[in-house]
Amino acid sequence: MRYVGWHEYVKTALKVAEYQKDTEVGCVVAMVPVLPGCLTQADKFEKARDNLIDAIELWITVGLREGEEMPEVNGVRLATSMERYTI
């Protein structure tokens, strides 16, 4: 496991994202299973991905404000202090 900055953590979360076409509603649902409750939707895949970036950033922000430790995503953790940050 390695510690990464904000941008890299979001990019890593996007790599494990799942997208599902909801044929009943006619939208694309985008979610990151390792970030519980982090999901969004849109009419098209591209917009769902853009919305998911915002959802991930909001999910992280709220979690940090609540004092939660961010989960490991695909072998990386979000660095929350400089002494833990390694490149």
N, C-alpha and C. Protein backbone atom coordinates (compact mmCIF):
# COMPACT_ATOMS: atom_id res chain seq x y z
N MET A 1 0.85 -1.17 0.00
CA MET A 1 0.00 0.00 0.00
C MET A 1 0.90 1.24 0.00
N ARG A 2 0.43 2.27 -0.70
CA ARG A 2 1.16 3.53 -0.70
C ARG A 2 0.19 4.68 -0.52
N TYR A 3 0.71 5.78 0.00
CA TYR A 3 -0.09 6.98 0.22
C TYR A 3 0.04 7.90 -0.98
N VAL A 4 -1.09 8.48 -1.39
CA VAL A 4 -1.10 9.36 -2.55
C VAL A 4 -1.87 10.63 -2.22
N GLY A 5 -1.72 11.62 -3.09
CA GLY A 5 -2.45 12.87 -2.94
C GLY A 5 -3.88 12.76 -3.47
N TRP A 6 -4.58 13.86 -3.30
CA TRP A 6 -6.01 13.94 -3.66
C TRP A 6 -6.25 13.49 -5.11
N HIS A 7 -5.56 14.10 -6.05
CA HIS A 7 -5.79 13.84 -7.47
C HIS A 7 -5.58 12.37 -7.81
N GLU A 8 -4.50 11.79 -7.33
CA GLU A 8 -4.21 10.38 -7.61
C GLU A 8 -5.25 9.46 -6.97
N TYR A 9 -5.72 9.81 -5.78
CA TYR A 9 -6.74 9.01 -5.10
C TYR A 9 -8.04 9.01 -5.90
N VAL A 10 -8.43 10.17 -6.39
CA VAL A 10 -9.66 10.26 -7.20
C VAL A 10 -9.49 9.45 -8.49
N LYS A 11 -8.33 9.58 -9.15
CA LYS A 11 -8.08 8.82 -10.38
C LYS A 11 -8.14 7.31 -10.12
N THR A 12 -7.59 6.88 -8.99
CA THR A 12 -7.62 5.46 -8.65
C THR A 12 -9.04 4.99 -8.39
N ALA A 13 -9.83 5.82 -7.71
CA ALA A 13 -11.23 5.47 -7.47
C ALA A 13 -11.99 5.34 -8.78
N LEU A 14 -11.70 6.21 -9.74
CA LEU A 14 -12.37 6.13 -11.05
C LEU A 14 -12.02 4.83 -11.77
N LYS A 15 -10.82 4.30 -11.54
CA LYS A 15 -10.41 3.06 -12.20
C LYS A 15 -11.21 1.85 -11.72
N VAL A 16 -11.76 1.92 -10.52
CA VAL A 16 -12.54 0.80 -10.00
C VAL A 16 -14.04 1.08 -10.04
N ALA A 17 -14.41 2.18 -10.70
CA ALA A 17 -15.82 2.54 -10.81
C ALA A 17 -16.57 1.53 -11.66
N GLU A 18 -17.85 1.42 -11.38
CA GLU A 18 -18.74 0.56 -12.15
C GLU A 18 -19.85 1.41 -12.75
N TYR A 19 -20.23 1.07 -13.97
CA TYR A 19 -21.27 1.79 -14.68
C TYR A 19 -22.32 0.80 -15.14
N GLN A 20 -23.59 1.15 -14.90
CA GLN A 20 -24.68 0.27 -15.30
C GLN A 20 -25.74 1.09 -16.02
N LYS A 21 -26.18 0.57 -17.13
CA LYS A 21 -27.26 1.23 -17.88
C LYS A 21 -28.59 0.78 -17.29
N ASP A 22 -29.38 1.71 -16.82
CA ASP A 22 -30.71 1.41 -16.30
C ASP A 22 -31.71 1.61 -17.42
N THR A 23 -32.17 0.51 -17.99
CA THR A 23 -33.05 0.60 -19.16
C THR A 23 -34.45 1.08 -18.79
N GLU A 24 -34.89 0.86 -17.57
CA GLU A 24 -36.22 1.30 -17.16
C GLU A 24 -36.30 2.83 -17.07
N VAL A 25 -35.28 3.42 -16.48
CA VAL A 25 -35.26 4.86 -16.29
C VAL A 25 -34.58 5.56 -17.47
N GLY A 26 -33.68 4.84 -18.14
CA GLY A 26 -32.98 5.41 -19.28
C GLY A 26 -31.78 6.25 -18.89
N CYS A 27 -31.05 5.79 -17.87
CA CYS A 27 -29.89 6.54 -17.44
C CYS A 27 -28.72 5.59 -17.18
N VAL A 28 -27.55 6.18 -17.01
CA VAL A 28 -26.36 5.43 -16.64
C VAL A 28 -26.09 5.71 -15.16
N VAL A 29 -25.99 4.65 -14.37
CA VAL A 29 -25.67 4.77 -12.95
C VAL A 29 -24.18 4.50 -12.80
N ALA A 30 -23.48 5.40 -12.12
CA ALA A 30 -22.05 5.28 -11.89
C ALA A 30 -21.80 5.20 -10.39
N MET A 31 -20.93 4.24 -9.99
CA MET A 31 -20.67 4.07 -8.56
C MET A 31 -19.26 3.58 -8.33
N VAL A 32 -18.77 3.82 -7.12
CA VAL A 32 -17.48 3.30 -6.68
C VAL A 32 -17.77 2.39 -5.49
N PRO A 33 -17.79 1.08 -5.70
CA PRO A 33 -18.20 0.16 -4.64
C PRO A 33 -17.37 0.25 -3.35
N VAL A 34 -16.09 0.60 -3.45
CA VAL A 34 -15.25 0.68 -2.24
C VAL A 34 -15.49 1.96 -1.45
N LEU A 35 -16.28 2.88 -2.00
CA LEU A 35 -16.67 4.10 -1.30
C LEU A 35 -18.18 4.02 -1.07
N PRO A 36 -18.62 3.43 0.03
CA PRO A 36 -20.05 3.18 0.26
C PRO A 36 -20.92 4.42 0.08
N GLY A 37 -21.94 4.29 -0.75
CA GLY A 37 -22.85 5.39 -0.99
C GLY A 37 -22.40 6.39 -2.02
N CYS A 38 -21.23 6.17 -2.61
CA CYS A 38 -20.72 7.10 -3.62
C CYS A 38 -21.23 6.67 -4.99
N LEU A 39 -22.30 7.34 -5.43
CA LEU A 39 -22.88 7.01 -6.73
C LEU A 39 -23.60 8.21 -7.30
N THR A 40 -23.85 8.14 -8.58
CA THR A 40 -24.55 9.22 -9.27
C THR A 40 -25.16 8.64 -10.54
N GLN A 41 -25.80 9.49 -11.32
CA GLN A 41 -26.40 9.04 -12.58
C GLN A 41 -26.46 10.19 -13.58
N ALA A 42 -26.64 9.82 -14.83
CA ALA A 42 -26.79 10.81 -15.90
C ALA A 42 -27.36 10.11 -17.13
N ASP A 43 -27.71 10.90 -18.14
CA ASP A 43 -28.27 10.33 -19.37
C ASP A 43 -27.23 9.59 -20.20
N LYS A 44 -26.00 10.05 -20.19
CA LYS A 44 -24.93 9.47 -21.01
C LYS A 44 -23.75 9.07 -20.13
N PHE A 45 -22.94 8.12 -20.62
CA PHE A 45 -21.78 7.64 -19.89
C PHE A 45 -20.83 8.77 -19.52
N GLU A 46 -20.50 9.64 -20.48
CA GLU A 46 -19.53 10.71 -20.25
C GLU A 46 -19.99 11.63 -19.11
N LYS A 47 -21.26 11.97 -19.12
CA LYS A 47 -21.80 12.85 -18.07
C LYS A 47 -21.83 12.12 -16.73
N ALA A 48 -22.15 10.83 -16.74
CA ALA A 48 -22.14 10.04 -15.50
C ALA A 48 -20.74 10.01 -14.91
N ARG A 49 -19.73 9.87 -15.75
CA ARG A 49 -18.34 9.87 -15.28
C ARG A 49 -17.97 11.23 -14.71
N ASP A 50 -18.34 12.31 -15.38
CA ASP A 50 -18.08 13.65 -14.85
C ASP A 50 -18.77 13.85 -13.50
N ASN A 51 -20.03 13.42 -13.42
CA ASN A 51 -20.77 13.52 -12.16
C ASN A 51 -20.10 12.67 -11.07
N LEU A 52 -19.55 11.52 -11.46
CA LEU A 52 -18.92 10.64 -10.48
C LEU A 52 -17.65 11.28 -9.91
N ILE A 53 -16.92 12.01 -10.71
CA ILE A 53 -15.75 12.73 -10.20
C ILE A 53 -16.18 13.68 -9.09
N ASP A 54 -17.25 14.44 -9.33
CA ASP A 54 -17.77 15.35 -8.31
C ASP A 54 -18.24 14.58 -7.08
N ALA A 55 -18.91 13.45 -7.29
CA ALA A 55 -19.41 12.65 -6.17
C ALA A 55 -18.27 12.10 -5.32
N ILE A 56 -17.20 11.64 -5.97
CA ILE A 56 -16.04 11.12 -5.24
C ILE A 56 -15.42 12.24 -4.40
N GLU A 57 -15.23 13.40 -5.00
CA GLU A 57 -14.63 14.52 -4.28
C GLU A 57 -15.49 14.94 -3.09
N LEU A 58 -16.79 14.97 -3.27
CA LEU A 58 -17.70 15.31 -2.17
C LEU A 58 -17.66 14.23 -1.10
N TRP A 59 -17.64 12.97 -1.51
CA TRP A 59 -17.58 11.85 -0.57
C TRP A 59 -16.33 11.95 0.30
N ILE A 60 -15.20 12.23 -0.31
CA ILE A 60 -13.94 12.38 0.42
C ILE A 60 -14.02 13.58 1.38
N THR A 61 -14.49 14.71 0.88
CA THR A 61 -14.56 15.93 1.68
C THR A 61 -15.42 15.73 2.93
N VAL A 62 -16.59 15.15 2.76
CA VAL A 62 -17.48 14.92 3.90
C VAL A 62 -16.84 13.94 4.87
N GLY A 63 -16.25 12.88 4.35
CA GLY A 63 -15.60 11.90 5.22
C GLY A 63 -14.48 12.51 6.04
N LEU A 64 -13.65 13.31 5.41
CA LEU A 64 -12.55 13.95 6.13
C LEU A 64 -13.06 14.93 7.18
N ARG A 65 -14.11 15.68 6.83
CA ARG A 65 -14.68 16.63 7.80
C ARG A 65 -15.27 15.92 9.00
N GLU A 66 -15.73 14.68 8.78
CA GLU A 66 -16.30 13.89 9.87
C GLU A 66 -15.24 13.09 10.62
N GLY A 67 -13.98 13.22 10.19
CA GLY A 67 -12.89 12.54 10.86
C GLY A 67 -12.71 11.09 10.48
N GLU A 68 -13.31 10.69 9.37
CA GLU A 68 -13.21 9.30 8.93
C GLU A 68 -11.90 9.06 8.19
N GLU A 69 -11.37 7.85 8.33
CA GLU A 69 -10.19 7.46 7.57
C GLU A 69 -10.66 6.99 6.19
N MET A 70 -10.00 7.46 5.17
CA MET A 70 -10.38 7.08 3.82
C MET A 70 -9.96 5.63 3.55
N PRO A 71 -10.82 4.87 2.89
CA PRO A 71 -10.51 3.47 2.64
C PRO A 71 -9.39 3.30 1.61
N GLU A 72 -8.75 2.17 1.68
CA GLU A 72 -7.76 1.82 0.67
C GLU A 72 -8.49 1.51 -0.62
N VAL A 73 -7.98 2.04 -1.71
CA VAL A 73 -8.57 1.81 -3.02
C VAL A 73 -7.47 1.29 -3.94
N ASN A 74 -7.59 0.05 -4.33
CA ASN A 74 -6.65 -0.53 -5.28
C ASN A 74 -5.19 -0.35 -4.86
N GLY A 75 -4.93 -0.53 -3.57
CA GLY A 75 -3.55 -0.46 -3.07
C GLY A 75 -3.06 0.91 -2.68
N VAL A 76 -3.93 1.92 -2.70
CA VAL A 76 -3.51 3.26 -2.29
C VAL A 76 -4.45 3.82 -1.22
N ARG A 77 -3.89 4.70 -0.41
CA ARG A 77 -4.66 5.43 0.59
C ARG A 77 -4.40 6.92 0.40
N LEU A 78 -5.39 7.71 0.76
CA LEU A 78 -5.25 9.16 0.68
C LEU A 78 -4.37 9.64 1.81
N ALA A 79 -3.32 10.37 1.48
CA ALA A 79 -2.44 10.96 2.48
C ALA A 79 -3.17 12.14 3.10
N THR A 80 -3.25 12.14 4.42
CA THR A 80 -3.96 13.22 5.09
C THR A 80 -3.04 14.10 5.92
N SER A 81 -1.75 13.79 5.93
CA SER A 81 -0.77 14.65 6.59
C SER A 81 0.56 14.51 5.86
N MET A 82 1.34 15.55 5.86
CA MET A 82 2.59 15.55 5.09
C MET A 82 3.56 14.46 5.52
N GLU A 83 3.62 14.13 6.80
CA GLU A 83 4.57 13.13 7.25
C GLU A 83 4.23 11.73 6.72
N ARG A 84 3.02 11.52 6.25
CA ARG A 84 2.63 10.22 5.71
C ARG A 84 2.68 10.20 4.19
N TYR A 85 2.90 11.33 3.57
CA TYR A 85 2.86 11.42 2.11
C TYR A 85 4.16 10.94 1.51
N THR A 86 4.08 9.95 0.64
CA THR A 86 5.27 9.45 -0.07
C THR A 86 4.98 9.43 -1.55
N ILE A 87 5.97 9.71 -2.32
CA ILE A 87 5.80 9.73 -3.78
C ILE A 87 6.30 8.43 -4.37
